[in-house]
Amino acid sequence: MLLDLDEMVQDHERTIEAQQQKIKEQAKEIDDLNTTIARLRHQYKHTCQTVREITSNANDNKVRLGSLDRSFQRLAANGTKLTATITRQGKQIERLQKRVDSAASKSVSLQV
């Protein structure tokens, strides 16, 4: 009877030791998970900051592109005006050249 009781106590102690080992393993797993969670939180915060910076840069670039677009539109309009001015001046030069030629031919005929 005592032998049976002693064996039962030993079995119970082994069961307790096995449960304590499981608890230690689970505690290690929990610690590892907490470490992973902390790392992921840090990465998430860093990612959010990066997204904010990218969004800010994109907005800045959008403003710059709008400004560049307006500048190019003004440049194109100025180019069109310049082309029209050059064309008008070319026509004026042609008219003046005709007058000069006409005056020169009159001058030559007067001299003869």
PDB file of N, CA and C in Angstrom:
ATOM      1  N   MET A   1       0.815  -1.181   0.000  1.00  0.00           N
ATOM      2  CA  MET A   1       0.000   0.000   0.000  1.00  0.00           C
ATOM      3  C   MET A   1       0.865   1.254   0.000  1.00  0.00           C
ATOM      4  N   LEU A   2       1.874   1.250   0.866  1.00  0.00           N
ATOM      5  CA  LEU A   2       2.783   2.382   0.900  1.00  0.00           C
ATOM      6  C   LEU A   2       3.507   2.529  -0.427  1.00  0.00           C
ATOM      7  N   LEU A   3       3.820   1.403  -1.023  1.00  0.00           N
ATOM      8  CA  LEU A   3       4.497   1.419  -2.308  1.00  0.00           C
ATOM      9  C   LEU A   3       3.609   2.050  -3.377  1.00  0.00           C
ATOM     10  N   ASP A   4       2.355   1.699  -3.350  1.00  0.00           N
ATOM     11  CA  ASP A   4       1.418   2.291  -4.301  1.00  0.00           C
ATOM     12  C   ASP A   4       1.298   3.793  -4.065  1.00  0.00           C
ATOM     13  N   LEU A   5       1.245   4.183  -2.830  1.00  0.00           N
ATOM     14  CA  LEU A   5       1.121   5.599  -2.481  1.00  0.00           C
ATOM     15  C   LEU A   5       2.372   6.359  -2.898  1.00  0.00           C
ATOM     16  N   ASP A   6       3.543   5.758  -2.656  1.00  0.00           N
ATOM     17  CA  ASP A   6       4.807   6.379  -3.051  1.00  0.00           C
ATOM     18  C   ASP A   6       4.870   6.521  -4.583  1.00  0.00           C
ATOM     19  N   GLU A   7       4.420   5.502  -5.285  1.00  0.00           N
ATOM     20  CA  GLU A   7       4.411   5.563  -6.748  1.00  0.00           C
ATOM     21  C   GLU A   7       3.445   6.642  -7.249  1.00  0.00           C
ATOM     22  N   MET A   8       2.310   6.774  -6.608  1.00  0.00           N
ATOM     23  CA  MET A   8       1.335   7.803  -6.981  1.00  0.00           C
ATOM     24  C   MET A   8       1.916   9.197  -6.767  1.00  0.00           C
ATOM     25  N   VAL A   9       2.633   9.375  -5.664  1.00  0.00           N
ATOM     26  CA  VAL A   9       3.260  10.669  -5.381  1.00  0.00           C
ATOM     27  C   VAL A   9       4.299  10.976  -6.442  1.00  0.00           C
ATOM     28  N   GLN A  10       5.103  10.013  -6.821  1.00  0.00           N
ATOM     29  CA  GLN A  10       6.132  10.210  -7.853  1.00  0.00           C
ATOM     30  C   GLN A  10       5.481  10.542  -9.200  1.00  0.00           C
ATOM     31  N   ASP A  11       4.409   9.838  -9.526  1.00  0.00           N
ATOM     32  CA  ASP A  11       3.686  10.139 -10.771  1.00  0.00           C
ATOM     33  C   ASP A  11       3.154  11.571 -10.748  1.00  0.00           C
ATOM     34  N   HIS A  12       2.614  11.928  -9.613  1.00  0.00           N
ATOM     35  CA  HIS A  12       2.069  13.286  -9.465  1.00  0.00           C
ATOM     36  C   HIS A  12       3.189  14.329  -9.597  1.00  0.00           C
ATOM     37  N   GLU A  13       4.352  14.067  -9.005  1.00  0.00           N
ATOM     38  CA  GLU A  13       5.495  14.987  -9.101  1.00  0.00           C
ATOM     39  C   GLU A  13       5.974  15.101 -10.558  1.00  0.00           C
ATOM     40  N   ARG A  14       6.023  13.957 -11.261  1.00  0.00           N
ATOM     41  CA  ARG A  14       6.416  13.992 -12.680  1.00  0.00           C
ATOM     42  C   ARG A  14       5.410  14.805 -13.501  1.00  0.00           C
ATOM     43  N   THR A  15       4.134  14.631 -13.197  1.00  0.00           N
ATOM     44  CA  THR A  15       3.095  15.398 -13.896  1.00  0.00           C
ATOM     45  C   THR A  15       3.275  16.887 -13.632  1.00  0.00           C
ATOM     46  N   ILE A  16       3.561  17.250 -12.394  1.00  0.00           N
ATOM     47  CA  ILE A  16       3.772  18.661 -12.034  1.00  0.00           C
ATOM     48  C   ILE A  16       4.998  19.203 -12.772  1.00  0.00           C
ATOM     49  N   GLU A  17       6.082  18.414 -12.814  1.00  0.00           N
ATOM     50  CA  GLU A  17       7.305  18.848 -13.511  1.00  0.00           C
ATOM     51  C   GLU A  17       7.031  19.033 -15.006  1.00  0.00           C
ATOM     52  N   ALA A  18       6.275  18.122 -15.577  1.00  0.00           N
ATOM     53  CA  ALA A  18       5.948  18.232 -17.006  1.00  0.00           C
ATOM     54  C   ALA A  18       5.107  19.487 -17.259  1.00  0.00           C
ATOM     55  N   GLN A  19       4.156  19.746 -16.363  1.00  0.00           N
ATOM     56  CA  GLN A  19       3.316  20.940 -16.504  1.00  0.00           C
ATOM     57  C   GLN A  19       4.156  22.212 -16.326  1.00  0.00           C
ATOM     58  N   GLN A  20       5.084  22.183 -15.370  1.00  0.00           N
ATOM     59  CA  GLN A  20       5.966  23.339 -15.174  1.00  0.00           C
ATOM     60  C   GLN A  20       6.824  23.578 -16.420  1.00  0.00           C
ATOM     61  N   GLN A  21       7.303  22.509 -17.059  1.00  0.00           N
ATOM     62  CA  GLN A  21       8.101  22.629 -18.279  1.00  0.00           C
ATOM     63  C   GLN A  21       7.247  23.225 -19.400  1.00  0.00           C
ATOM     64  N   LYS A  22       6.012  22.754 -19.533  1.00  0.00           N
ATOM     65  CA  LYS A  22       5.105  23.311 -20.535  1.00  0.00           C
ATOM     66  C   LYS A  22       4.859  24.797 -20.285  1.00  0.00           C
ATOM     67  N   ILE A  23       4.684  25.155 -19.026  1.00  0.00           N
ATOM     68  CA  ILE A  23       4.453  26.562 -18.669  1.00  0.00           C
ATOM     69  C   ILE A  23       5.670  27.403 -19.042  1.00  0.00           C
ATOM     70  N   LYS A  24       6.888  26.887 -18.786  1.00  0.00           N
ATOM     71  CA  LYS A  24       8.115  27.606 -19.155  1.00  0.00           C
ATOM     72  C   LYS A  24       8.192  27.789 -20.672  1.00  0.00           C
ATOM     73  N   GLU A  25       7.866  26.722 -21.417  1.00  0.00           N
ATOM     74  CA  GLU A  25       7.891  26.809 -22.880  1.00  0.00           C
ATOM     75  C   GLU A  25       6.863  27.827 -23.385  1.00  0.00           C
ATOM     76  N   GLN A  26       5.677  27.796 -22.798  1.00  0.00           N
ATOM     77  CA  GLN A  26       4.640  28.738 -23.199  1.00  0.00           C
ATOM     78  C   GLN A  26       5.037  30.177 -22.840  1.00  0.00           C
ATOM     79  N   ALA A  27       5.684  30.351 -21.694  1.00  0.00           N
ATOM     80  CA  ALA A  27       6.152  31.680 -21.289  1.00  0.00           C
ATOM     81  C   ALA A  27       7.193  32.196 -22.279  1.00  0.00           C
ATOM     82  N   LYS A  28       8.072  31.299 -22.746  1.00  0.00           N
ATOM     83  CA  LYS A  28       9.085  31.666 -23.752  1.00  0.00           C
ATOM     84  C   LYS A  28       8.400  32.068 -25.062  1.00  0.00           C
ATOM     85  N   GLU A  29       7.388  31.293 -25.468  1.00  0.00           N
ATOM     86  CA  GLU A  29       6.646  31.609 -26.680  1.00  0.00           C
ATOM     87  C   GLU A  29       5.955  32.980 -26.563  1.00  0.00           C
ATOM     88  N   ILE A  30       5.365  33.226 -25.407  1.00  0.00           N
ATOM     89  CA  ILE A  30       4.702  34.513 -25.165  1.00  0.00           C
ATOM     90  C   ILE A  30       5.718  35.650 -25.227  1.00  0.00           C
ATOM     91  N   ASP A  31       6.885  35.445 -24.617  1.00  0.00           N
ATOM     92  CA  ASP A  31       7.939  36.458 -24.646  1.00  0.00           C
ATOM     93  C   ASP A  31       8.386  36.723 -26.085  1.00  0.00           C
ATOM     94  N   ASP A  32       8.560  35.651 -26.863  1.00  0.00           N
ATOM     95  CA  ASP A  32       8.948  35.810 -28.273  1.00  0.00           C
ATOM     96  C   ASP A  32       7.871  36.573 -29.053  1.00  0.00           C
ATOM     97  N   LEU A  33       6.615  36.235 -28.795  1.00  0.00           N
ATOM     98  CA  LEU A  33       5.510  36.934 -29.468  1.00  0.00           C
ATOM     99  C   LEU A  33       5.466  38.416 -29.087  1.00  0.00           C
ATOM    100  N   ASN A  34       5.693  38.714 -27.818  1.00  0.00           N
ATOM    101  CA  ASN A  34       5.713  40.118 -27.378  1.00  0.00           C
ATOM    102  C   ASN A  34       6.848  40.881 -28.051  1.00  0.00           C
ATOM    103  N   THR A  35       7.999  40.229 -28.201  1.00  0.00           N
ATOM    104  CA  THR A  35       9.129  40.845 -28.890  1.00  0.00           C
ATOM    105  C   THR A  35       8.769  41.117 -30.351  1.00  0.00           C
ATOM    106  N   THR A  36       8.135  40.141 -30.981  1.00  0.00           N
ATOM    107  CA  THR A  36       7.713  40.300 -32.379  1.00  0.00           C
ATOM    108  C   THR A  36       6.690  41.421 -32.513  1.00  0.00           C
ATOM    109  N   ILE A  37       5.745  41.475 -31.599  1.00  0.00           N
ATOM    110  CA  ILE A  37       4.728  42.536 -31.618  1.00  0.00           C
ATOM    111  C   ILE A  37       5.390  43.909 -31.473  1.00  0.00           C
ATOM    112  N   ALA A  38       6.341  44.023 -30.576  1.00  0.00           N
ATOM    113  CA  ALA A  38       7.036  45.308 -30.384  1.00  0.00           C
ATOM    114  C   ALA A  38       7.785  45.705 -31.651  1.00  0.00           C
ATOM    115  N   ARG A  39       8.448  44.743 -32.285  1.00  0.00           N
ATOM    116  CA  ARG A  39       9.175  45.021 -33.529  1.00  0.00           C
ATOM    117  C   ARG A  39       8.210  45.449 -34.635  1.00  0.00           C
ATOM    118  N   LEU A  40       7.094  44.747 -34.747  1.00  0.00           N
ATOM    119  CA  LEU A  40       6.102  45.082 -35.768  1.00  0.00           C
ATOM    120  C   LEU A  40       5.483  46.462 -35.530  1.00  0.00           C
ATOM    121  N   ARG A  41       5.248  46.805 -34.269  1.00  0.00           N
ATOM    122  CA  ARG A  41       4.730  48.148 -33.955  1.00  0.00           C
ATOM    123  C   ARG A  41       5.723  49.224 -34.397  1.00  0.00           C
ATOM    124  N   HIS A  42       6.997  48.974 -34.119  1.00  0.00           N
ATOM    125  CA  HIS A  42       8.040  49.926 -34.531  1.00  0.00           C
ATOM    126  C   HIS A  42       8.069  50.046 -36.055  1.00  0.00           C
ATOM    127  N   GLN A  43       8.022  48.923 -36.743  1.00  0.00           N
ATOM    128  CA  GLN A  43       8.020  48.941 -38.215  1.00  0.00           C
ATOM    129  C   GLN A  43       6.781  49.654 -38.745  1.00  0.00           C
ATOM    130  N   TYR A  44       5.640  49.434 -38.101  1.00  0.00           N
ATOM    131  CA  TYR A  44       4.395  50.082 -38.518  1.00  0.00           C
ATOM    132  C   TYR A  44       4.514  51.603 -38.381  1.00  0.00           C
ATOM    133  N   LYS A  45       5.042  52.055 -37.238  1.00  0.00           N
ATOM    134  CA  LYS A  45       5.216  53.496 -37.030  1.00  0.00           C
ATOM    135  C   LYS A  45       6.154  54.075 -38.085  1.00  0.00           C
ATOM    136  N   HIS A  46       7.240  53.361 -38.353  1.00  0.00           N
ATOM    137  CA  HIS A  46       8.207  53.806 -39.362  1.00  0.00           C
ATOM    138  C   HIS A  46       7.544  53.844 -40.746  1.00  0.00           C
ATOM    139  N   THR A  47       6.764  52.829 -41.050  1.00  0.00           N
ATOM    140  CA  THR A  47       6.061  52.772 -42.339  1.00  0.00           C
ATOM    141  C   THR A  47       5.064  53.925 -42.456  1.00  0.00           C
ATOM    142  N   CYS A  48       4.330  54.201 -41.398  1.00  0.00           N
ATOM    143  CA  CYS A  48       3.369  55.318 -41.412  1.00  0.00           C
ATOM    144  C   CYS A  48       4.093  56.636 -41.660  1.00  0.00           C
ATOM    145  N   GLN A  49       5.240  56.829 -41.012  1.00  0.00           N
ATOM    146  CA  GLN A  49       6.022  58.048 -41.210  1.00  0.00           C
ATOM    147  C   GLN A  49       6.490  58.141 -42.654  1.00  0.00           C
ATOM    148  N   THR A  50       6.944  57.018 -43.211  1.00  0.00           N
ATOM    149  CA  THR A  50       7.399  56.998 -44.600  1.00  0.00           C
ATOM    150  C   THR A  50       6.248  57.330 -45.544  1.00  0.00           C
ATOM    151  N   VAL A  51       5.070  56.774 -45.281  1.00  0.00           N
ATOM    152  CA  VAL A  51       3.895  57.058 -46.118  1.00  0.00           C
ATOM    153  C   VAL A  51       3.540  58.545 -46.037  1.00  0.00           C
ATOM    154  N   ARG A  52       3.609  59.126 -44.843  1.00  0.00           N
ATOM    155  CA  ARG A  52       3.325  60.569 -44.696  1.00  0.00           C
ATOM    156  C   ARG A  52       4.319  61.395 -45.497  1.00  0.00           C
ATOM    157  N   GLU A  53       5.600  61.010 -45.436  1.00  0.00           N
ATOM    158  CA  GLU A  53       6.619  61.737 -46.194  1.00  0.00           C
ATOM    159  C   GLU A  53       6.391  61.605 -47.696  1.00  0.00           C
ATOM    160  N   ILE A  54       6.064  60.397 -48.147  1.00  0.00           N
ATOM    161  CA  ILE A  54       5.807  60.173 -49.580  1.00  0.00           C
ATOM    162  C   ILE A  54       4.594  60.985 -50.022  1.00  0.00           C
ATOM    163  N   THR A  55       3.541  60.998 -49.206  1.00  0.00           N
ATOM    164  CA  THR A  55       2.339  61.759 -49.535  1.00  0.00           C
ATOM    165  C   THR A  55       2.655  63.250 -49.605  1.00  0.00           C
ATOM    166  N   SER A  56       3.430  63.723 -48.651  1.00  0.00           N
ATOM    167  CA  SER A  56       3.820  65.135 -48.646  1.00  0.00           C
ATOM    168  C   SER A  56       4.639  65.472 -49.886  1.00  0.00           C
ATOM    169  N   ASN A  57       5.601  64.600 -50.218  1.00  0.00           N
ATOM    170  CA  ASN A  57       6.427  64.827 -51.412  1.00  0.00           C
ATOM    171  C   ASN A  57       5.580  64.794 -52.675  1.00  0.00           C
ATOM    172  N   ALA A  58       4.614  63.876 -52.721  1.00  0.00           N
ATOM    173  CA  ALA A  58       3.736  63.782 -53.897  1.00  0.00           C
ATOM    174  C   ALA A  58       2.915  65.059 -54.041  1.00  0.00           C
ATOM    175  N   ASN A  59       2.425  65.572 -52.917  1.00  0.00           N
ATOM    176  CA  ASN A  59       1.647  66.819 -52.969  1.00  0.00           C
ATOM    177  C   ASN A  59       2.534  67.981 -53.413  1.00  0.00           C
ATOM    178  N   ASP A  60       3.755  68.036 -52.875  1.00  0.00           N
ATOM    179  CA  ASP A  60       4.696  69.082 -53.295  1.00  0.00           C
ATOM    180  C   ASP A  60       4.979  68.981 -54.787  1.00  0.00           C
ATOM    181  N   ASN A  61       5.197  67.755 -55.261  1.00  0.00           N
ATOM    182  CA  ASN A  61       5.482  67.550 -56.687  1.00  0.00           C
ATOM    183  C   ASN A  61       4.289  67.932 -57.544  1.00  0.00           C
ATOM    184  N   LYS A  62       3.075  67.662 -57.047  1.00  0.00           N
ATOM    185  CA  LYS A  62       1.864  68.026 -57.787  1.00  0.00           C
ATOM    186  C   LYS A  62       1.788  69.540 -57.932  1.00  0.00           C
ATOM    187  N   VAL A  63       2.105  70.265 -56.859  1.00  0.00           N
ATOM    188  CA  VAL A  63       2.105  71.730 -56.907  1.00  0.00           C
ATOM    189  C   VAL A  63       3.169  72.218 -57.891  1.00  0.00           C
ATOM    190  N   ARG A  64       4.365  71.605 -57.814  1.00  0.00           N
ATOM    191  CA  ARG A  64       5.444  72.003 -58.728  1.00  0.00           C
ATOM    192  C   ARG A  64       5.076  71.723 -60.181  1.00  0.00           C
ATOM    193  N   LEU A  65       4.451  70.569 -60.425  1.00  0.00           N
ATOM    194  CA  LEU A  65       4.043  70.227 -61.792  1.00  0.00           C
ATOM    195  C   LEU A  65       3.001  71.204 -62.303  1.00  0.00           C
ATOM    196  N   GLY A  66       2.086  71.612 -61.441  1.00  0.00           N
ATOM    197  CA  GLY A  66       1.084  72.608 -61.832  1.00  0.00           C
ATOM    198  C   GLY A  66       1.747  73.922 -62.200  1.00  0.00           C
ATOM    199  N   SER A  67       2.728  74.317 -61.397  1.00  0.00           N
ATOM    200  CA  SER A  67       3.468  75.550 -61.675  1.00  0.00           C
ATOM    201  C   SER A  67       4.236  75.434 -62.983  1.00  0.00           C
ATOM    202  N   LEU A  68       4.887  74.290 -63.193  1.00  0.00           N
ATOM    203  CA  LEU A  68       5.621  74.077 -64.447  1.00  0.00           C
ATOM    204  C   LEU A  68       4.673  74.085 -65.641  1.00  0.00           C
ATOM    205  N   ASP A  69       3.521  73.469 -65.479  1.00  0.00           N
ATOM    206  CA  ASP A  69       2.539  73.435 -66.561  1.00  0.00           C
ATOM    207  C   ASP A  69       2.116  74.855 -66.933  1.00  0.00           C
ATOM    208  N   ARG A  70       1.836  75.680 -65.920  1.00  0.00           N
ATOM    209  CA  ARG A  70       1.463  77.078 -66.202  1.00  0.00           C
ATOM    210  C   ARG A  70       2.614  77.824 -66.866  1.00  0.00           C
ATOM    211  N   SER A  71       3.844  77.549 -66.423  1.00  0.00           N
ATOM    212  CA  SER A  71       5.006  78.198 -67.043  1.00  0.00           C
ATOM    213  C   SER A  71       5.138  77.793 -68.505  1.00  0.00           C
ATOM    214  N   PHE A  72       4.948  76.512 -68.792  1.00  0.00           N
ATOM    215  CA  PHE A  72       5.032  76.061 -70.184  1.00  0.00           C
ATOM    216  C   PHE A  72       3.905  76.646 -71.030  1.00  0.00           C
ATOM    217  N   GLN A  73       2.731  76.767 -70.442  1.00  0.00           N
ATOM    218  CA  GLN A  73       1.619  77.385 -71.176  1.00  0.00           C
ATOM    219  C   GLN A  73       1.938  78.844 -71.513  1.00  0.00           C
ATOM    220  N   ARG A  74       2.511  79.567 -70.535  1.00  0.00           N
ATOM    221  CA  ARG A  74       2.904  80.959 -70.792  1.00  0.00           C
ATOM    222  C   ARG A  74       3.994  81.009 -71.856  1.00  0.00           C
ATOM    223  N   LEU A  75       4.952  80.099 -71.765  1.00  0.00           N
ATOM    224  CA  LEU A  75       6.033  80.044 -72.742  1.00  0.00           C
ATOM    225  C   LEU A  75       5.489  79.770 -74.144  1.00  0.00           C
ATOM    226  N   ALA A  76       4.548  78.839 -74.246  1.00  0.00           N
ATOM    227  CA  ALA A  76       3.948  78.534 -75.546  1.00  0.00           C
ATOM    228  C   ALA A  76       3.190  79.744 -76.083  1.00  0.00           C
ATOM    229  N   ALA A  77       2.455  80.429 -75.206  1.00  0.00           N
ATOM    230  CA  ALA A  77       1.718  81.625 -75.630  1.00  0.00           C
ATOM    231  C   ALA A  77       2.690  82.710 -76.081  1.00  0.00           C
ATOM    232  N   ASN A  78       3.784  82.885 -75.333  1.00  0.00           N
ATOM    233  CA  ASN A  78       4.791  83.872 -75.716  1.00  0.00           C
ATOM    234  C   ASN A  78       5.446  83.496 -77.041  1.00  0.00           C
ATOM    235  N   GLY A  79       5.676  82.186 -77.252  1.00  0.00           N
ATOM    236  CA  GLY A  79       6.247  81.724 -78.517  1.00  0.00           C
ATOM    237  C   GLY A  79       5.313  82.025 -79.678  1.00  0.00           C
ATOM    238  N   THR A  80       4.020  81.817 -79.464  1.00  0.00           N
ATOM    239  CA  THR A  80       3.027  82.108 -80.503  1.00  0.00           C
ATOM    240  C   THR A  80       3.024  83.603 -80.807  1.00  0.00           C
ATOM    241  N   LYS A  81       3.053  84.420 -79.761  1.00  0.00           N
ATOM    242  CA  LYS A  81       3.078  85.885 -79.955  1.00  0.00           C
ATOM    243  C   LYS A  81       4.350  86.293 -80.696  1.00  0.00           C
ATOM    244  N   LEU A  82       5.480  85.692 -80.309  1.00  0.00           N
ATOM    245  CA  LEU A  82       6.757  86.020 -80.944  1.00  0.00           C
ATOM    246  C   LEU A  82       6.729  85.631 -82.418  1.00  0.00           C
ATOM    247  N   THR A  83       6.159  84.466 -82.711  1.00  0.00           N
ATOM    248  CA  THR A  83       6.044  84.035 -84.110  1.00  0.00           C
ATOM    249  C   THR A  83       5.195  85.020 -84.902  1.00  0.00           C
ATOM    250  N   ALA A  84       4.085  85.454 -84.328  1.00  0.00           N
ATOM    251  CA  ALA A  84       3.216  86.424 -85.006  1.00  0.00           C
ATOM    252  C   ALA A  84       3.958  87.740 -85.217  1.00  0.00           C
ATOM    253  N   THR A  85       4.708  88.177 -84.227  1.00  0.00           N
ATOM    254  CA  THR A  85       5.478  89.424 -84.335  1.00  0.00           C
ATOM    255  C   THR A  85       6.536  89.305 -85.423  1.00  0.00           C
ATOM    256  N   ILE A  86       7.237  88.175 -85.447  1.00  0.00           N
ATOM    257  CA  ILE A  86       8.276  87.959 -86.471  1.00  0.00           C
ATOM    258  C   ILE A  86       7.644  87.950 -87.856  1.00  0.00           C
ATOM    259  N   THR A  87       6.500  87.302 -87.975  1.00  0.00           N
ATOM    260  CA  THR A  87       5.801  87.263 -89.276  1.00  0.00           C
ATOM    261  C   THR A  87       5.406  88.676 -89.712  1.00  0.00           C
ATOM    262  N   ARG A  88       4.841  89.453 -88.783  1.00  0.00           N
ATOM    263  CA  ARG A  88       4.461  90.855 -89.106  1.00  0.00           C
ATOM    264  C   ARG A  88       5.688  91.662 -89.503  1.00  0.00           C
ATOM    265  N   GLN A  89       6.764  91.508 -88.734  1.00  0.00           N
ATOM    266  CA  GLN A  89       7.973  92.267 -89.050  1.00  0.00           C
ATOM    267  C   GLN A  89       8.562  91.826 -90.382  1.00  0.00           C
ATOM    268  N   GLY A  90       8.471  90.526 -90.695  1.00  0.00           N
ATOM    269  CA  GLY A  90       8.943  90.026 -91.985  1.00  0.00           C
ATOM    270  C   GLY A  90       8.159  90.671 -93.124  1.00  0.00           C
ATOM    271  N   LYS A  91       6.847  90.785 -92.938  1.00  0.00           N
ATOM    272  CA  LYS A  91       6.012  91.416 -93.970  1.00  0.00           C
ATOM    273  C   LYS A  91       6.351  92.900 -94.095  1.00  0.00           C
ATOM    274  N   GLN A  92       6.589  93.540 -92.941  1.00  0.00           N
ATOM    275  CA  GLN A  92       6.972  94.958 -92.979  1.00  0.00           C
ATOM    276  C   GLN A  92       8.304  95.127 -93.700  1.00  0.00           C
ATOM    277  N   ILE A  93       9.235  94.225 -93.445  1.00  0.00           N
ATOM    278  CA  ILE A  93      10.547  94.291 -94.104  1.00  0.00           C
ATOM    279  C   ILE A  93      10.372  94.102 -95.605  1.00  0.00           C
ATOM    280  N   GLU A  94       9.500  93.165 -96.003  1.00  0.00           N
ATOM    281  CA  GLU A  94       9.241  92.947 -97.428  1.00  0.00           C
ATOM    282  C   GLU A  94       8.665  94.211 -98.063  1.00  0.00           C
ATOM    283  N   ARG A  95       7.716  94.852 -97.390  1.00  0.00           N
ATOM    284  CA  ARG A  95       7.127  96.094 -97.924  1.00  0.00           C
ATOM    285  C   ARG A  95       8.176  97.196 -98.019  1.00  0.00           C
ATOM    286  N   LEU A  96       8.989  97.295 -96.970  1.00  0.00           N
ATOM    287  CA  LEU A  96      10.045  98.312 -96.997  1.00  0.00           C
ATOM    288  C   LEU A  96      11.052  98.024 -98.105  1.00  0.00           C
ATOM    289  N   GLN A  97      11.376  96.722 -98.282  1.00  0.00           N
ATOM    290  CA  GLN A  97      12.316  96.350 -99.333  1.00  0.00           C
ATOM    291  C   GLN A  97      11.753  96.725-100.707  1.00  0.00           C
ATOM    292  N   LYS A  98      10.447  96.522-100.903  1.00  0.00           N
ATOM    293  CA  LYS A  98       9.804  96.897-102.164  1.00  0.00           C
ATOM    294  C   LYS A  98       9.874  98.402-102.357  1.00  0.00           C
ATOM    295  N   ARG A  99       9.649  99.163-101.273  1.00  0.00           N
ATOM    296  CA  ARG A  99       9.731 100.621-101.379  1.00  0.00           C
ATOM    297  C   ARG A  99      11.145 101.065-101.722  1.00  0.00           C
ATOM    298  N   VAL A 100      12.120 100.401-101.033  1.00  0.00           N
ATOM    299  CA  VAL A 100      13.520 100.738-101.296  1.00  0.00           C
ATOM    300  C   VAL A 100      13.857 100.409-102.746  1.00  0.00           C
ATOM    301  N   ASP A 101      13.445  99.223-103.200  1.00  0.00           N
ATOM    302  CA  ASP A 101      13.704  98.835-104.594  1.00  0.00           C
ATOM    303  C   ASP A 101      13.032  99.810-105.556  1.00  0.00           C
ATOM    304  N   SER A 102      11.805 100.180-105.233  1.00  0.00           N
ATOM    305  CA  SER A 102      11.076 101.107-106.100  1.00  0.00           C
ATOM    306  C   SER A 102      11.761 102.466-106.103  1.00  0.00           C
ATOM    307  N   ALA A 103      12.161 102.919-104.905  1.00  0.00           N
ATOM    308  CA  ALA A 103      12.837 104.216-104.815  1.00  0.00           C
ATOM    309  C   ALA A 103      14.173 104.159-105.524  1.00  0.00           C
ATOM    310  N   ALA A 104      14.867 103.038-105.405  1.00  0.00           N
ATOM    311  CA  ALA A 104      16.173 102.892-106.060  1.00  0.00           C
ATOM    312  C   ALA A 104      16.002 102.900-107.567  1.00  0.00           C
ATOM    313  N   SER A 105      14.966 102.219-108.066  1.00  0.00           N
ATOM    314  CA  SER A 105      14.762 102.196-109.509  1.00  0.00           C
ATOM    315  C   SER A 105      14.353 103.578-110.015  1.00  0.00           C
ATOM    316  N   LYS A 106      13.586 104.322-109.226  1.00  0.00           N
ATOM    317  CA  LYS A 106      13.208 105.695-109.600  1.00  0.00           C
ATOM    318  C   LYS A 106      14.458 106.579-109.592  1.00  0.00           C
ATOM    319  N   SER A 107      15.288 106.343-108.590  1.00  0.00           N
ATOM    320  CA  SER A 107      16.519 107.140-108.479  1.00  0.00           C
ATOM    321  C   SER A 107      17.430 106.872-109.651  1.00  0.00           C
ATOM    322  N   VAL A 108      17.525 105.614-110.071  1.00  0.00           N
ATOM    323  CA  VAL A 108      18.382 105.240-111.200  1.00  0.00           C
ATOM    324  C   VAL A 108      17.794 105.858-112.476  1.00  0.00           C
ATOM    325  N   SER A 109      16.463 105.807-112.608  1.00  0.00           N
ATOM    326  CA  SER A 109      15.877 106.364-113.827  1.00  0.00           C
ATOM    327  C   SER A 109      15.989 107.879-113.839  1.00  0.00           C
ATOM    328  N   LEU A 110      16.019 108.525-112.675  1.00  0.00           N
ATOM    329  CA  LEU A 110      16.179 109.979-112.619  1.00  0.00           C
ATOM    330  C   LEU A 110      17.613 110.363-112.944  1.00  0.00           C
ATOM    331  N   GLN A 111      18.538 109.520-112.561  1.00  0.00           N
ATOM    332  CA  GLN A 111      19.949 109.826-112.799  1.00  0.00           C
ATOM    333  C   GLN A 111      20.296 109.645-114.274  1.00  0.00           C
ATOM    334  N   VAL A 112      19.600 108.826-114.968  1.00  0.00           N
ATOM    335  CA  VAL A 112      19.910 108.537-116.384  1.00  0.00           C
ATOM    336  C   VAL A 112      19.354 109.601-117.212  1.00  0.00           C
TER     337      VAL A 112
END
